[in-house]
Protein backbone atom coordinates (compact mmCIF):
# COMPACT_ATOMS: atom_id res chain seq x y z
CA MET A 1 -48.86 223.06 12.97
CA LYS A 2 -50.04 219.44 12.88
CA LEU A 3 -53.77 218.62 12.72
CA LYS A 4 -54.93 217.69 16.16
CA PHE A 5 -56.76 214.43 16.27
CA ILE A 6 -57.27 211.93 19.02
CA TYR A 7 -54.30 209.89 20.20
CA ILE A 8 -55.13 206.60 21.43
CA GLY A 9 -52.07 205.09 23.24
CA LEU A 10 -53.14 201.55 23.79
CA MET A 11 -54.86 201.32 20.40
CA LEU A 12 -51.64 202.02 18.87
CA LEU A 13 -49.93 199.47 21.13
CA LEU A 14 -52.40 196.80 20.13
CA SER A 15 -52.17 197.37 16.41
CA ASN A 16 -48.57 197.73 16.42
CA VAL A 17 -47.87 194.49 18.44
CA ALA A 18 -50.39 192.55 16.45
CA PHE A 19 -49.03 193.54 13.00
CA GLY A 20 -45.44 193.69 13.44
CA GLN A 21 -44.46 197.31 13.90
CA LYS A 22 -41.08 198.40 15.11
CA THR A 23 -42.03 200.83 18.06
CA TRP A 24 -45.00 201.75 20.14
CA ILE A 25 -45.89 203.54 23.33
CA GLU A 26 -48.33 202.76 26.17
CA THR A 27 -49.12 204.34 29.57
CA THR A 28 -48.26 202.29 32.61
CA ASP A 29 -51.65 202.63 34.21
CA GLY A 30 -53.57 201.60 31.10
CA SER A 31 -55.12 205.09 30.38
CA ASP A 32 -54.68 207.24 27.35
CA PHE A 33 -51.53 208.95 26.51
CA ALA A 34 -50.69 212.29 28.13
CA PRO A 35 -47.29 213.84 28.20
CA ASP A 36 -47.25 214.17 31.97
CA LYS A 37 -48.03 210.49 32.56
CA GLU A 38 -45.57 207.70 32.97
CA VAL A 39 -45.25 205.68 29.69
CA LYS A 40 -43.26 202.83 28.32
CA ILE A 41 -41.66 203.12 24.95
CA TYR A 42 -41.20 199.81 23.31
CA VAL A 43 -38.96 198.63 20.52
CA ASP A 44 -38.94 195.37 18.73
CA ILE A 45 -35.57 194.79 17.26
CA LYS A 46 -36.79 191.94 15.08
CA ASN A 47 -38.92 194.35 13.09
CA CYS A 48 -36.28 196.98 12.71
CA ASP A 49 -34.54 197.46 9.25
CA CYS A 50 -31.06 197.34 11.10
CA GLN A 51 -30.44 194.10 12.74
CA ARG A 52 -26.92 194.32 14.42
CA LEU A 53 -28.66 194.44 17.87
CA LEU A 54 -30.42 191.19 17.57
CA GLY A 55 -29.58 189.19 20.58
CA ALA A 56 -27.96 192.07 22.29
CA THR A 57 -27.81 191.81 26.22
CA GLU A 58 -28.11 195.57 26.82
CA VAL A 59 -29.19 198.59 24.60
CA PHE A 60 -29.62 202.23 25.18
CA LEU A 61 -31.83 205.18 24.11
CA TRP A 62 -30.43 207.89 22.00
CA THR A 63 -32.97 210.55 21.45
CA TRP A 64 -33.34 214.11 20.08
CA ASN A 65 -37.14 214.85 20.11
CA PRO A 66 -39.18 216.25 21.70
CA ALA A 67 -36.05 217.96 22.90
CA GLY A 68 -32.26 217.47 22.57
CA ASP A 69 -29.48 216.95 25.14
CA GLU A 70 -29.16 220.59 25.67
CA ASP A 71 -32.68 220.87 27.29
CA ARG A 72 -32.36 217.67 29.43
CA SER A 73 -30.84 217.02 32.78
CA ALA A 74 -27.62 215.08 33.18
CA ASP A 75 -29.34 211.80 33.95
CA ASN A 76 -31.35 212.21 30.73
CA LYS A 77 -28.69 212.94 28.29
CA ASN A 78 -27.52 210.61 25.62
CA GLY A 79 -23.90 210.52 26.55
CA GLU A 80 -21.21 209.82 23.88
CA TRP A 81 -21.80 207.85 20.71
CA THR A 82 -19.03 205.48 21.90
CA ALA A 83 -20.21 205.46 25.50
CA SER A 84 -23.87 205.86 26.25
CA ASN A 85 -25.14 207.34 29.54
CA PRO A 86 -25.86 204.28 31.62
CA THR A 87 -29.13 205.90 32.78
CA MET A 88 -30.37 205.52 29.25
CA ALA A 89 -30.40 201.74 29.37
CA PHE A 90 -33.44 200.04 28.13
CA THR A 91 -35.18 197.14 29.94
CA SER A 92 -35.39 193.70 28.30
CA GLU A 93 -39.07 192.44 27.73
CA GLY A 94 -37.60 189.29 26.16
CA ASN A 95 -37.49 187.94 22.52
CA ASP A 96 -35.56 191.15 21.40
CA VAL A 97 -38.31 193.55 22.66
CA TRP A 98 -37.05 196.39 24.87
CA SER A 99 -38.78 199.01 26.80
CA PHE A 100 -37.76 202.53 28.24
CA THR A 101 -39.98 204.01 31.09
CA MET A 102 -40.34 207.82 31.47
CA ILE A 103 -42.56 210.78 32.17
CA PRO A 104 -42.10 212.74 28.84
CA THR A 105 -42.50 216.17 30.31
CA ASP A 106 -40.14 215.38 33.15
CA PHE A 107 -37.62 213.41 30.96
CA TYR A 108 -37.34 216.02 28.20
CA ASN A 109 -37.84 218.98 30.51
CA VAL A 110 -40.49 220.46 28.24
CA ASP A 111 -44.19 221.43 28.40
CA ALA A 112 -46.82 219.17 27.20
CA ASP A 113 -47.40 221.18 23.99
CA VAL A 114 -43.88 220.71 22.94
CA VAL A 115 -44.30 216.84 23.23
CA TYR A 116 -47.36 216.96 21.08
CA GLU A 117 -45.72 219.38 18.46
CA ASN A 118 -42.29 217.56 18.06
CA ASP A 119 -43.33 213.84 18.67
CA PHE A 120 -40.76 211.26 19.69
CA SER A 121 -37.53 210.74 17.74
CA PHE A 122 -34.86 208.29 18.67
CA LEU A 123 -32.89 205.16 17.95
CA VAL A 124 -31.66 202.27 19.98
CA LYS A 125 -27.96 201.59 20.15
CA ALA A 126 -25.22 199.60 21.82
CA SER A 127 -23.29 201.54 24.46
CA ASP A 128 -20.54 201.95 21.75
CA GLY A 129 -22.58 202.33 18.61
CA SER A 130 -19.62 202.44 16.28
CA GLY A 131 -19.98 198.84 14.85
CA LEU A 132 -18.33 198.68 11.47
CA GLY A 133 -18.44 202.43 11.09
CA GLY A 134 -19.64 204.39 8.07
CA GLY A 135 -23.19 204.91 9.50
CA GLY A 136 -26.46 203.33 8.55
CA CYS A 137 -26.87 199.56 9.36
CA ASP A 138 -23.17 199.05 9.69
CA GLU A 139 -23.32 200.73 13.04
CA ASP A 140 -24.56 198.98 16.29
CA LYS A 141 -27.93 200.81 16.25
CA THR A 142 -31.34 200.75 14.74
CA GLU A 143 -32.48 203.03 12.02
CA ASP A 144 -34.07 206.31 13.26
CA LEU A 145 -37.43 205.69 14.97
CA GLN A 146 -40.44 207.95 15.47
CA ILE A 147 -43.69 207.68 17.44
CA LEU A 148 -46.33 210.25 16.47
CA VAL A 149 -48.54 211.70 19.26
CA GLU A 150 -51.51 214.00 18.62
CA ALA A 151 -53.15 216.35 21.05
CA PRO A 152 -56.65 215.18 22.00
CA VAL A 153 -59.81 216.84 21.02
CA THR A 154 -62.28 217.61 23.90
CA ILE A 155 -65.26 215.67 22.60
CA LEU A 156 -65.20 211.89 21.84
CA PRO A 157 -68.13 210.16 20.15
CA LYS A 158 -69.39 207.07 21.56
CA VAL A 159 -68.30 204.95 18.72
CA TYR A 160 -65.54 205.95 16.31
CA SER A 161 -62.71 204.45 14.33
CA PHE A 162 -58.97 204.73 13.77
CA PRO A 163 -58.20 205.72 11.03
CA PHE A 164 -60.83 208.34 11.30
CA THR A 165 -63.56 208.57 8.67
CA VAL A 166 -62.95 211.38 6.21
CA ILE A 167 -66.37 211.91 4.40
CA GLY A 168 -69.40 210.40 6.21
CA ASP A 169 -68.63 206.81 6.89
CA THR A 170 -65.66 206.48 4.34
CA LEU A 171 -62.07 205.91 5.23
CA TYR A 172 -59.26 206.55 2.76
CA THR A 173 -57.67 203.27 3.68
CA SER A 174 -57.58 199.71 2.04
CA ASP A 175 -59.26 196.63 3.34
CA GLN A 176 -55.87 195.36 3.78
CA ASP A 177 -54.72 198.02 6.29
CA VAL A 178 -55.26 197.84 10.08
CA PHE A 179 -58.80 199.18 11.18
CA THR A 180 -59.76 199.70 14.74
CA LEU A 181 -63.25 200.23 16.12
CA ILE A 182 -63.51 201.99 19.36
CA TYR A 183 -66.46 202.10 21.65
CA ASN A 184 -66.47 204.50 24.58
CA ASN A 185 -68.94 202.89 27.10
CA ALA A 186 -68.65 205.97 29.38
CA GLU A 187 -70.78 207.75 26.83
CA GLU A 188 -73.53 205.02 26.67
CA GLU A 189 -77.03 206.35 27.35
CA LYS A 190 -78.78 203.06 27.22
CA THR A 191 -79.02 201.95 30.80
CA THR A 192 -78.85 198.19 30.06
CA MET A 193 -75.60 198.65 28.29
CA GLN A 194 -73.83 200.80 30.83
CA ASN A 195 -70.74 199.76 32.84
CA LEU A 196 -69.84 196.76 30.79
CA ASP A 197 -67.19 194.46 31.71
CA GLU A 198 -67.26 192.80 28.19
CA ALA A 199 -68.14 194.00 24.74
CA TRP A 200 -68.62 192.00 21.51
CA VAL A 201 -69.16 192.89 17.77
CA TYR A 202 -71.51 191.52 15.29
CA ALA A 203 -69.98 192.26 11.94
CA ARG A 204 -71.26 191.91 8.36
CA GLY A 205 -69.07 192.64 5.56
CA MET A 206 -70.00 193.53 2.01
CA GLY A 207 -67.66 191.81 -0.50
CA THR A 208 -66.60 193.21 -3.79
CA ASP A 209 -68.48 190.37 -5.37
CA GLY A 210 -71.85 191.81 -3.91
CA ASN A 211 -72.15 189.13 -1.30
CA THR A 212 -72.58 189.53 2.44
CA TYR A 213 -69.97 187.69 4.76
CA LYS A 214 -70.15 187.16 8.49
CA VAL A 215 -67.54 186.01 10.94
CA GLU A 216 -70.05 184.29 13.16
CA SER A 217 -73.86 183.93 13.50
CA LEU A 218 -75.46 186.42 15.95
CA ASN A 219 -76.40 183.72 18.59
CA ASN A 220 -72.82 182.22 18.54
CA ILE A 221 -70.76 185.43 18.84
CA GLY A 222 -69.77 184.70 22.54
CA ASN A 223 -68.09 181.46 21.39
CA ASN A 224 -65.73 183.24 18.97
CA PRO A 225 -62.89 185.20 20.76
CA ALA A 226 -62.12 186.96 17.47
CA LEU A 227 -65.38 189.11 18.10
CA LYS A 228 -64.61 190.07 21.62
CA MET A 229 -63.39 193.72 22.08
CA THR A 230 -60.37 194.61 24.19
CA LYS A 231 -61.13 196.60 27.32
CA VAL A 232 -58.80 199.59 27.51
CA GLY A 233 -58.82 201.61 30.90
CA THR A 234 -62.19 201.62 32.66
CA ALA A 235 -64.73 202.13 29.96
CA ARG A 236 -63.26 202.03 26.45
CA PHE A 237 -63.43 198.86 24.22
CA GLN A 238 -61.63 198.36 20.91
CA LEU A 239 -61.24 195.71 18.20
CA SER A 240 -58.35 195.89 15.74
CA ILE A 241 -58.65 193.84 12.53
CA ILE A 242 -57.43 193.71 8.87
CA PRO A 243 -60.84 193.65 7.12
CA ARG A 244 -59.80 191.28 4.42
CA ARG A 245 -58.45 188.75 6.77
CA PHE A 246 -61.39 189.12 9.27
CA PHE A 247 -64.05 187.08 7.42
CA PRO A 248 -63.04 183.45 7.22
CA ASP A 249 -65.30 182.54 4.32
CA LEU A 250 -64.17 185.43 1.97
CA PRO A 251 -63.10 183.78 -1.29
CA GLN A 252 -59.65 184.21 -2.54
CA GLY A 253 -59.47 187.62 -4.71
CA VAL A 254 -62.58 189.02 -3.21
CA GLY A 255 -62.18 192.24 -1.21
CA ILE A 256 -64.27 193.99 1.38
CA GLU A 257 -66.09 197.14 0.32
CA SER A 258 -67.64 197.96 3.70
CA ILE A 259 -68.44 196.51 7.19
CA ARG A 260 -71.46 197.03 9.28
CA PHE A 261 -70.95 196.73 13.03
CA GLN A 262 -73.24 196.23 15.99
CA ILE A 263 -71.78 196.27 19.59
CA LEU A 264 -73.37 193.99 22.22
CA LYS A 265 -72.66 192.33 25.47
CA TRP A 266 -73.03 188.66 25.55
CA ALA A 267 -75.65 187.07 27.63
CA PRO A 268 -75.93 183.40 26.82
CA PRO A 269 -77.97 181.69 25.41
CA GLY A 270 -79.46 184.41 23.21
CA ILE A 271 -79.34 188.14 22.49
CA SER A 272 -82.14 190.67 23.22
CA LEU A 273 -82.40 194.29 22.16
CA ASP A 274 -81.49 195.37 25.66
CA GLU A 275 -78.12 193.77 25.15
CA ILE A 276 -77.20 195.72 21.98
CA ILE A 277 -76.20 199.33 21.80
CA ASP A 278 -78.63 201.44 19.68
CA GLY A 279 -77.57 201.79 15.95
CA GLU A 280 -75.34 200.19 13.45
CA PHE A 281 -71.99 201.64 12.42
CA MET A 282 -70.92 201.35 8.79
CA TYR A 283 -67.45 201.91 7.40
CA HIS A 284 -66.53 201.98 3.80
CA PHE A 285 -62.96 201.28 2.50
CA ASN A 286 -62.06 203.62 -0.26
CA CYS A 287 -58.66 202.44 -1.37
CA ASN A 288 -59.25 198.68 -2.36
């Protein structure tokens, strides 16, 4: 049984797109992932290990998890390796990025808990995937791909991170790994900070040299788009960064031990306490 953490569909999308991952998933209505909602599975062939599909004009889904062909309806079966089922064709998003739209529970003919338990396993192939033969990257396909999905917990804090903290405010990740700060404005109790259309961060990093680094001064945050959080759905905001690349004045060879965040709404020309959520949020990186 897998540990049941929070799955944040768009958050994964943003981090994967921004930092060159092979595959990701998003809901078509911008909400969090759920197995019974319509989703689009994306694959960027440019980032795959097997490159024979670069420049292809059509590609097809070949999948075996959350459920195999034996459990799926005729329209959702893989077909033959030398002749894919035409209904399994991806849609081109341009620049060798392809998408496939489905409702997972309907497509795989399984309950939601099976999707959470088995994840998504698949590859992308030409209709005839034979290629040069012999398997591996000599065939007209990608390598095996996987998207992990985790069942949600019932209580979300107002501010949290991905990866999640392990002990207190410490993450077992490096300052060179992707870090995402998430703010759930729906849980905001401060009336002056409710129903936000925009959210921004004020970030101060502690370097391994003992010095403090800022991306921007407090009164100039609204002029720096790197500090604007992305709105996800109706009330969630997030910011994905690589900590060591986030601070422009960080000297070569100096790492980031921790970052202290404050979340605010921007109201030029200045910031008042009514425009900052209560509390500061500290994250330590334990694998520098």
